[in-house]
Every structure is written in C-alpha cells, then in structure tokens.
C-alpha cells in the first residue's frame, strides 16, 4: 500500500525502522522519466522526483490480519515520530 509521508520525514529511516520491526516496507515506483528507455530526453519533473523520493509502500494482501494492520499502524506512527526533521 503506497504512502506519501510529509516532507521532512526521512523515508529511508522510516523504512529501515519498519523492516527492523518485521514489516516488509519497500520503495517502489521509480519515476518513469528516469528509466533507461527515456535516457537522453532530459525530462525535468521536480514534483515527480519529490513524490518518488518520499513514497514508501507497506504490504497488502489477502492474508493480512487486523493484528497485522494494527502493528503496521503502530510501528509506522512510531517510525515517523522518530524520523522527522
């Protein structure tokens, strides 16, 4: 499930905290304009780059329980508190 933390929150530190808590947080969706197929076009997309630098994804699938969701919410809140500027 993709999330977009506020500016000033260290996305990579939040992700590391979640992984340390056993939550498979990941970084997905690199900006399309940075893919090799678009190399050489020189696209400048500062909003896209900002969103990509902040986005983090939490797991979601049919086997996640309410307890899993509670844990993710608790750990995410704590990680954001620890890792904001």
C-alpha atoms as a PDB file:
ATOM      1  CA  UNK A   1       0.000   0.000   0.000  1.00  0.00           C
ATOM      2  CA  UNK A   2       1.740   3.202  -1.104  1.00  0.00           C
ATOM      3  CA  UNK A   3       2.067   6.029   1.399  1.00  0.00           C
ATOM      4  CA  UNK A   4       3.400   9.545   0.943  1.00  0.00           C
ATOM      5  CA  UNK A   5       4.977  10.851   4.150  1.00  0.00           C
ATOM      6  CA  UNK A   6       5.185  14.604   4.616  1.00  0.00           C
ATOM      7  CA  UNK A   7       8.284  16.468   3.514  1.00  0.00           C
ATOM      8  CA  UNK A   8      10.916  16.453   6.236  1.00  0.00           C
ATOM      9  CA  UNK A   9      10.384  12.815   7.157  1.00  0.00           C
ATOM     10  CA  UNK A  10      13.342  10.569   6.408  1.00  0.00           C
ATOM     11  CA  UNK A  11      11.678   7.924   4.239  1.00  0.00           C
ATOM     12  CA  UNK A  12      14.692   5.610   4.245  1.00  0.00           C
ATOM     13  CA  UNK A  13      14.993   5.726   8.048  1.00  0.00           C
ATOM     14  CA  UNK A  14      11.248   5.052   8.411  1.00  0.00           C
ATOM     15  CA  UNK A  15      11.587   2.098   6.052  1.00  0.00           C
ATOM     16  CA  UNK A  16      14.578   0.755   7.993  1.00  0.00           C
ATOM     17  CA  UNK A  17      12.636   1.005  11.264  1.00  0.00           C
ATOM     18  CA  UNK A  18       9.677  -0.847   9.754  1.00  0.00           C
ATOM     19  CA  UNK A  19      11.895  -3.590   8.338  1.00  0.00           C
ATOM     20  CA  UNK A  20      13.591  -3.933  11.744  1.00  0.00           C
ATOM     21  CA  UNK A  21      10.103  -4.433  13.218  1.00  0.00           C
ATOM     22  CA  UNK A  22       9.446  -7.247  10.735  1.00  0.00           C
ATOM     23  CA  UNK A  23       7.315  -5.224   8.297  1.00  0.00           C
ATOM     24  CA  UNK A  24       8.165  -5.583   4.600  1.00  0.00           C
ATOM     25  CA  UNK A  25       8.210  -1.890   3.759  1.00  0.00           C
ATOM     26  CA  UNK A  26       9.574  -1.204   0.284  1.00  0.00           C
ATOM     27  CA  UNK A  27      10.345   1.539  -2.164  1.00  0.00           C
ATOM     28  CA  UNK A  28       8.534   1.050  -5.471  1.00  0.00           C
ATOM     29  CA  UNK A  29       7.605   3.077  -8.490  1.00  0.00           C
ATOM     30  CA  UNK A  30      10.791   4.792  -9.619  1.00  0.00           C
ATOM     31  CA  UNK A  31       9.934   7.795 -11.800  1.00  0.00           C
ATOM     32  CA  UNK A  32       9.270   6.777 -15.399  1.00  0.00           C
ATOM     33  CA  UNK A  33      11.409   9.599 -16.761  1.00  0.00           C
ATOM     34  CA  UNK A  34      14.436   8.056 -15.016  1.00  0.00           C
ATOM     35  CA  UNK A  35      14.044   4.680 -16.706  1.00  0.00           C
ATOM     36  CA  UNK A  36      16.678   3.695 -19.286  1.00  0.00           C
ATOM     37  CA  UNK A  37      14.167   3.806 -22.145  1.00  0.00           C
ATOM     38  CA  UNK A  38      13.800   7.566 -21.578  1.00  0.00           C
ATOM     39  CA  UNK A  39      17.521   8.237 -21.126  1.00  0.00           C
ATOM     40  CA  UNK A  40      18.647  11.227 -23.144  1.00  0.00           C
ATOM     41  CA  UNK A  41      15.340  13.087 -23.215  1.00  0.00           C
ATOM     42  CA  UNK A  42      16.352  15.373 -20.367  1.00  0.00           C
ATOM     43  CA  UNK A  43      12.943  15.459 -18.722  1.00  0.00           C
ATOM     44  CA  UNK A  44      12.810  17.654 -15.637  1.00  0.00           C
ATOM     45  CA  UNK A  45       9.916  16.671 -13.390  1.00  0.00           C
ATOM     46  CA  UNK A  46      10.580  18.109  -9.923  1.00  0.00           C
ATOM     47  CA  UNK A  47       7.174  17.203  -8.473  1.00  0.00           C
ATOM     48  CA  UNK A  48       7.506  13.609  -9.666  1.00  0.00           C
ATOM     49  CA  UNK A  49      11.035  13.437  -8.253  1.00  0.00           C
ATOM     50  CA  UNK A  50       9.820  14.786  -4.895  1.00  0.00           C
ATOM     51  CA  UNK A  51       6.979  12.270  -4.664  1.00  0.00           C
ATOM     52  CA  UNK A  52       9.260   9.384  -5.663  1.00  0.00           C
ATOM     53  CA  UNK A  53      11.810  10.374  -3.015  1.00  0.00           C
ATOM     54  CA  UNK A  54       9.155  10.295  -0.261  1.00  0.00           C
ATOM     55  CA  UNK A  55       6.924   7.360  -1.243  1.00  0.00           C
ATOM     56  CA  UNK A  56       7.067   4.123   0.737  1.00  0.00           C
ATOM     57  CA  UNK A  57       4.905   1.028   0.360  1.00  0.00           C
ATOM     58  CA  UNK A  58       3.502  -1.256   3.035  1.00  0.00           C
ATOM     59  CA  UNK A  59       2.427  -4.825   2.349  1.00  0.00           C
ATOM     60  CA  UNK A  60      -1.173  -5.565   1.453  1.00  0.00           C
ATOM     61  CA  UNK A  61      -2.660  -8.902   0.534  1.00  0.00           C
ATOM     62  CA  UNK A  62      -5.479 -11.255   1.477  1.00  0.00           C
ATOM     63  CA  UNK A  63      -3.635 -12.839   4.424  1.00  0.00           C
ATOM     64  CA  UNK A  64      -3.016  -9.646   6.428  1.00  0.00           C
ATOM     65  CA  UNK A  65      -4.933  -9.752   9.689  1.00  0.00           C
ATOM     66  CA  UNK A  66      -6.317  -6.922  11.781  1.00  0.00           C
ATOM     67  CA  UNK A  67      -3.471  -7.547  14.216  1.00  0.00           C
ATOM     68  CA  UNK A  68      -1.001  -7.128  11.327  1.00  0.00           C
ATOM     69  CA  UNK A  69      -2.668  -3.849  10.367  1.00  0.00           C
ATOM     70  CA  UNK A  70      -2.582  -2.639  13.961  1.00  0.00           C
ATOM     71  CA  UNK A  71       1.112  -3.485  14.179  1.00  0.00           C
ATOM     72  CA  UNK A  72       1.872  -1.695  10.912  1.00  0.00           C
ATOM     73  CA  UNK A  73      -0.038   1.402  12.001  1.00  0.00           C
ATOM     74  CA  UNK A  74       1.646   1.482  15.409  1.00  0.00           C
ATOM     75  CA  UNK A  75       5.140   0.929  14.012  1.00  0.00           C
ATOM     76  CA  UNK A  76       4.610   3.402  11.186  1.00  0.00           C
ATOM     77  CA  UNK A  77       3.478   6.120  13.588  1.00  0.00           C
ATOM     78  CA  UNK A  78       6.438   5.493  15.871  1.00  0.00           C
ATOM     79  CA  UNK A  79       8.907   5.426  12.958  1.00  0.00           C
ATOM     80  CA  UNK A  80       7.567   8.710  11.600  1.00  0.00           C
ATOM     81  CA  UNK A  81       7.848  10.321  15.037  1.00  0.00           C
ATOM     82  CA  UNK A  82      11.473   9.190  15.332  1.00  0.00           C
ATOM     83  CA  UNK A  83      12.487  10.225  11.846  1.00  0.00           C
ATOM     84  CA  UNK A  84      11.057  13.638  11.111  1.00  0.00           C
ATOM     85  CA  UNK A  85      13.164  16.773  10.908  1.00  0.00           C
END
